Amino acid sequence: MSNSIIREVRLIREQHAASFDFDLDRIFSDLQSRQKQHEAEGWKIISAPASSPPVSNIALQRIRFAHR
């Protein structure tokens, strides 16, 4: 991404937060209501992917200690 895009996104985010006096509860409530509105308009809402489970390093430990 170019710096101009990042600057623009940050500016929009800052303006949005400022319109709610940087109150996280009000910002979150606004975002939730916008999401409900978009769903009602037929937009497809995609959930964030679940974080993957931590990778076990047992196999690496076996290799590391196998040659001793």
N, C-alpha and C. Protein backbone atom coordinates (compact mmCIF):
# COMPACT_ATOMS: atom_id res chain seq x y z
N MET A 1 0.84 -1.18 0.00
CA MET A 1 0.00 0.00 0.00
C MET A 1 0.88 1.24 0.00
N SER A 2 0.39 2.24 -0.65
CA SER A 2 1.17 3.47 -0.69
C SER A 2 0.91 4.29 0.56
N ASN A 3 1.84 5.16 0.85
CA ASN A 3 1.70 6.01 2.02
C ASN A 3 0.48 6.92 1.94
N SER A 4 0.12 7.34 0.74
CA SER A 4 -1.05 8.22 0.59
C SER A 4 -2.33 7.49 0.98
N ILE A 5 -2.43 6.22 0.66
CA ILE A 5 -3.61 5.44 1.04
C ILE A 5 -3.66 5.28 2.55
N ILE A 6 -2.54 4.96 3.14
CA ILE A 6 -2.48 4.79 4.60
C ILE A 6 -2.84 6.10 5.29
N ARG A 7 -2.30 7.21 4.79
CA ARG A 7 -2.62 8.52 5.39
C ARG A 7 -4.11 8.81 5.29
N GLU A 8 -4.70 8.49 4.13
CA GLU A 8 -6.13 8.75 3.94
C GLU A 8 -6.98 7.91 4.88
N VAL A 9 -6.65 6.64 5.02
CA VAL A 9 -7.40 5.76 5.92
C VAL A 9 -7.28 6.25 7.36
N ARG A 10 -6.08 6.63 7.76
CA ARG A 10 -5.88 7.13 9.13
C ARG A 10 -6.63 8.43 9.37
N LEU A 11 -6.68 9.30 8.37
CA LEU A 11 -7.41 10.55 8.49
C LEU A 11 -8.91 10.29 8.67
N ILE A 12 -9.44 9.39 7.86
CA ILE A 12 -10.87 9.05 7.96
C ILE A 12 -11.17 8.44 9.33
N ARG A 13 -10.31 7.55 9.78
CA ARG A 13 -10.49 6.93 11.10
C ARG A 13 -10.44 7.98 12.20
N GLU A 14 -9.51 8.92 12.10
CA GLU A 14 -9.37 9.99 13.09
C GLU A 14 -10.62 10.88 13.09
N GLN A 15 -11.12 11.22 11.91
CA GLN A 15 -12.33 12.05 11.82
C GLN A 15 -13.54 11.34 12.40
N HIS A 16 -13.65 10.05 12.13
CA HIS A 16 -14.76 9.27 12.67
C HIS A 16 -14.70 9.24 14.19
N ALA A 17 -13.53 8.98 14.74
CA ALA A 17 -13.36 8.95 16.20
C ALA A 17 -13.64 10.32 16.81
N ALA A 18 -13.18 11.38 16.16
CA ALA A 18 -13.39 12.73 16.67
C ALA A 18 -14.88 13.08 16.70
N SER A 19 -15.64 12.56 15.74
CA SER A 19 -17.08 12.87 15.70
C SER A 19 -17.81 12.27 16.90
N PHE A 20 -17.18 11.33 17.60
CA PHE A 20 -17.76 10.73 18.80
C PHE A 20 -16.93 11.09 20.04
N ASP A 21 -16.16 12.18 19.95
CA ASP A 21 -15.31 12.64 21.06
C ASP A 21 -14.39 11.54 21.56
N PHE A 22 -13.97 10.67 20.67
CA PHE A 22 -13.03 9.58 20.97
C PHE A 22 -13.56 8.64 22.05
N ASP A 23 -14.90 8.56 22.18
CA ASP A 23 -15.55 7.67 23.15
C ASP A 23 -15.68 6.29 22.50
N LEU A 24 -14.92 5.32 23.00
CA LEU A 24 -14.90 3.99 22.38
C LEU A 24 -16.26 3.31 22.38
N ASP A 25 -17.04 3.50 23.43
CA ASP A 25 -18.37 2.89 23.48
C ASP A 25 -19.26 3.44 22.36
N ARG A 26 -19.22 4.74 22.15
CA ARG A 26 -20.03 5.35 21.10
C ARG A 26 -19.53 4.96 19.71
N ILE A 27 -18.22 4.89 19.54
CA ILE A 27 -17.64 4.48 18.25
C ILE A 27 -18.07 3.05 17.94
N PHE A 28 -17.94 2.15 18.93
CA PHE A 28 -18.30 0.75 18.73
C PHE A 28 -19.79 0.61 18.42
N SER A 29 -20.61 1.36 19.14
CA SER A 29 -22.05 1.32 18.90
C SER A 29 -22.38 1.77 17.47
N ASP A 30 -21.71 2.82 17.01
CA ASP A 30 -21.92 3.29 15.64
C ASP A 30 -21.51 2.24 14.63
N LEU A 31 -20.37 1.60 14.85
CA LEU A 31 -19.91 0.57 13.91
C LEU A 31 -20.87 -0.62 13.88
N GLN A 32 -21.40 -0.99 15.06
CA GLN A 32 -22.37 -2.08 15.10
C GLN A 32 -23.64 -1.71 14.34
N SER A 33 -24.13 -0.49 14.53
CA SER A 33 -25.36 -0.09 13.84
C SER A 33 -25.13 -0.02 12.33
N ARG A 34 -23.95 0.43 11.91
CA ARG A 34 -23.64 0.45 10.48
C ARG A 34 -23.60 -0.97 9.92
N GLN A 35 -23.05 -1.90 10.69
CA GLN A 35 -22.99 -3.28 10.23
C GLN A 35 -24.40 -3.84 10.06
N LYS A 36 -25.28 -3.58 11.03
CA LYS A 36 -26.66 -4.05 10.93
C LYS A 36 -27.35 -3.44 9.72
N GLN A 37 -27.09 -2.16 9.48
CA GLN A 37 -27.68 -1.49 8.32
C GLN A 37 -27.18 -2.12 7.02
N HIS A 38 -25.91 -2.40 6.94
CA HIS A 38 -25.35 -3.02 5.74
C HIS A 38 -25.93 -4.42 5.53
N GLU A 39 -26.07 -5.18 6.62
CA GLU A 39 -26.67 -6.52 6.51
C GLU A 39 -28.09 -6.42 5.98
N ALA A 40 -28.86 -5.43 6.48
CA ALA A 40 -30.24 -5.25 6.03
C ALA A 40 -30.29 -4.86 4.56
N GLU A 41 -29.24 -4.20 4.08
CA GLU A 41 -29.17 -3.81 2.67
C GLU A 41 -28.67 -4.94 1.78
N GLY A 42 -28.33 -6.08 2.40
CA GLY A 42 -27.91 -7.24 1.62
C GLY A 42 -26.41 -7.42 1.48
N TRP A 43 -25.64 -6.60 2.18
CA TRP A 43 -24.18 -6.77 2.13
C TRP A 43 -23.81 -8.06 2.82
N LYS A 44 -22.82 -8.73 2.33
CA LYS A 44 -22.34 -9.96 2.95
C LYS A 44 -21.27 -9.59 3.98
N ILE A 45 -21.51 -9.96 5.22
CA ILE A 45 -20.57 -9.68 6.31
C ILE A 45 -19.73 -10.93 6.53
N ILE A 46 -18.43 -10.77 6.47
CA ILE A 46 -17.51 -11.90 6.64
C ILE A 46 -16.86 -11.80 8.01
N SER A 47 -16.98 -12.85 8.79
CA SER A 47 -16.38 -12.87 10.12
C SER A 47 -14.87 -12.99 10.01
N ALA A 48 -14.20 -12.45 11.00
CA ALA A 48 -12.74 -12.58 11.04
C ALA A 48 -12.40 -14.05 11.27
N PRO A 49 -11.36 -14.54 10.63
CA PRO A 49 -10.99 -15.94 10.82
C PRO A 49 -10.55 -16.20 12.26
N ALA A 50 -10.86 -17.37 12.74
CA ALA A 50 -10.42 -17.75 14.08
C ALA A 50 -8.91 -17.90 14.06
N SER A 51 -8.30 -17.52 15.15
CA SER A 51 -6.84 -17.65 15.18
C SER A 51 -6.48 -19.13 15.22
N SER A 52 -5.42 -19.46 14.53
CA SER A 52 -5.01 -20.85 14.46
C SER A 52 -4.36 -21.27 15.77
N PRO A 53 -4.48 -22.54 16.12
CA PRO A 53 -3.88 -23.00 17.38
C PRO A 53 -2.36 -22.89 17.31
N PRO A 54 -1.73 -22.71 18.45
CA PRO A 54 -0.27 -22.61 18.43
C PRO A 54 0.36 -23.88 17.88
N VAL A 55 1.41 -23.70 17.14
CA VAL A 55 2.11 -24.83 16.53
C VAL A 55 3.02 -25.44 17.57
N SER A 56 2.89 -26.74 17.74
CA SER A 56 3.73 -27.44 18.69
C SER A 56 5.13 -27.60 18.12
N ASN A 57 6.11 -27.49 18.96
CA ASN A 57 7.48 -27.65 18.48
C ASN A 57 8.06 -28.99 18.92
N ILE A 58 7.19 -29.96 19.25
CA ILE A 58 7.64 -31.28 19.68
C ILE A 58 8.49 -31.94 18.59
N ALA A 59 8.03 -31.83 17.34
CA ALA A 59 8.80 -32.44 16.24
C ALA A 59 10.18 -31.82 16.15
N LEU A 60 10.27 -30.52 16.31
CA LEU A 60 11.57 -29.86 16.26
C LEU A 60 12.45 -30.30 17.43
N GLN A 61 11.84 -30.47 18.59
CA GLN A 61 12.62 -30.91 19.75
C GLN A 61 13.15 -32.33 19.54
N ARG A 62 12.34 -33.19 18.91
CA ARG A 62 12.79 -34.55 18.64
C ARG A 62 14.01 -34.53 17.73
N ILE A 63 13.95 -33.71 16.70
CA ILE A 63 15.08 -33.62 15.77
C ILE A 63 16.30 -33.06 16.48
N ARG A 64 16.10 -32.05 17.29
CA ARG A 64 17.21 -31.40 17.98
C ARG A 64 17.94 -32.35 18.90
N PHE A 65 17.19 -33.17 19.63
CA PHE A 65 17.81 -34.05 20.61
C PHE A 65 18.08 -35.46 20.09
N ALA A 66 17.69 -35.75 18.87
CA ALA A 66 17.86 -37.10 18.32
C ALA A 66 19.32 -37.45 18.08
N HIS A 67 20.15 -36.50 17.83
CA HIS A 67 21.54 -36.77 17.46
C HIS A 67 22.50 -36.70 18.64
N ARG A 68 22.02 -36.71 19.84
CA ARG A 68 22.91 -36.62 21.01
C ARG A 68 23.34 -37.98 21.46
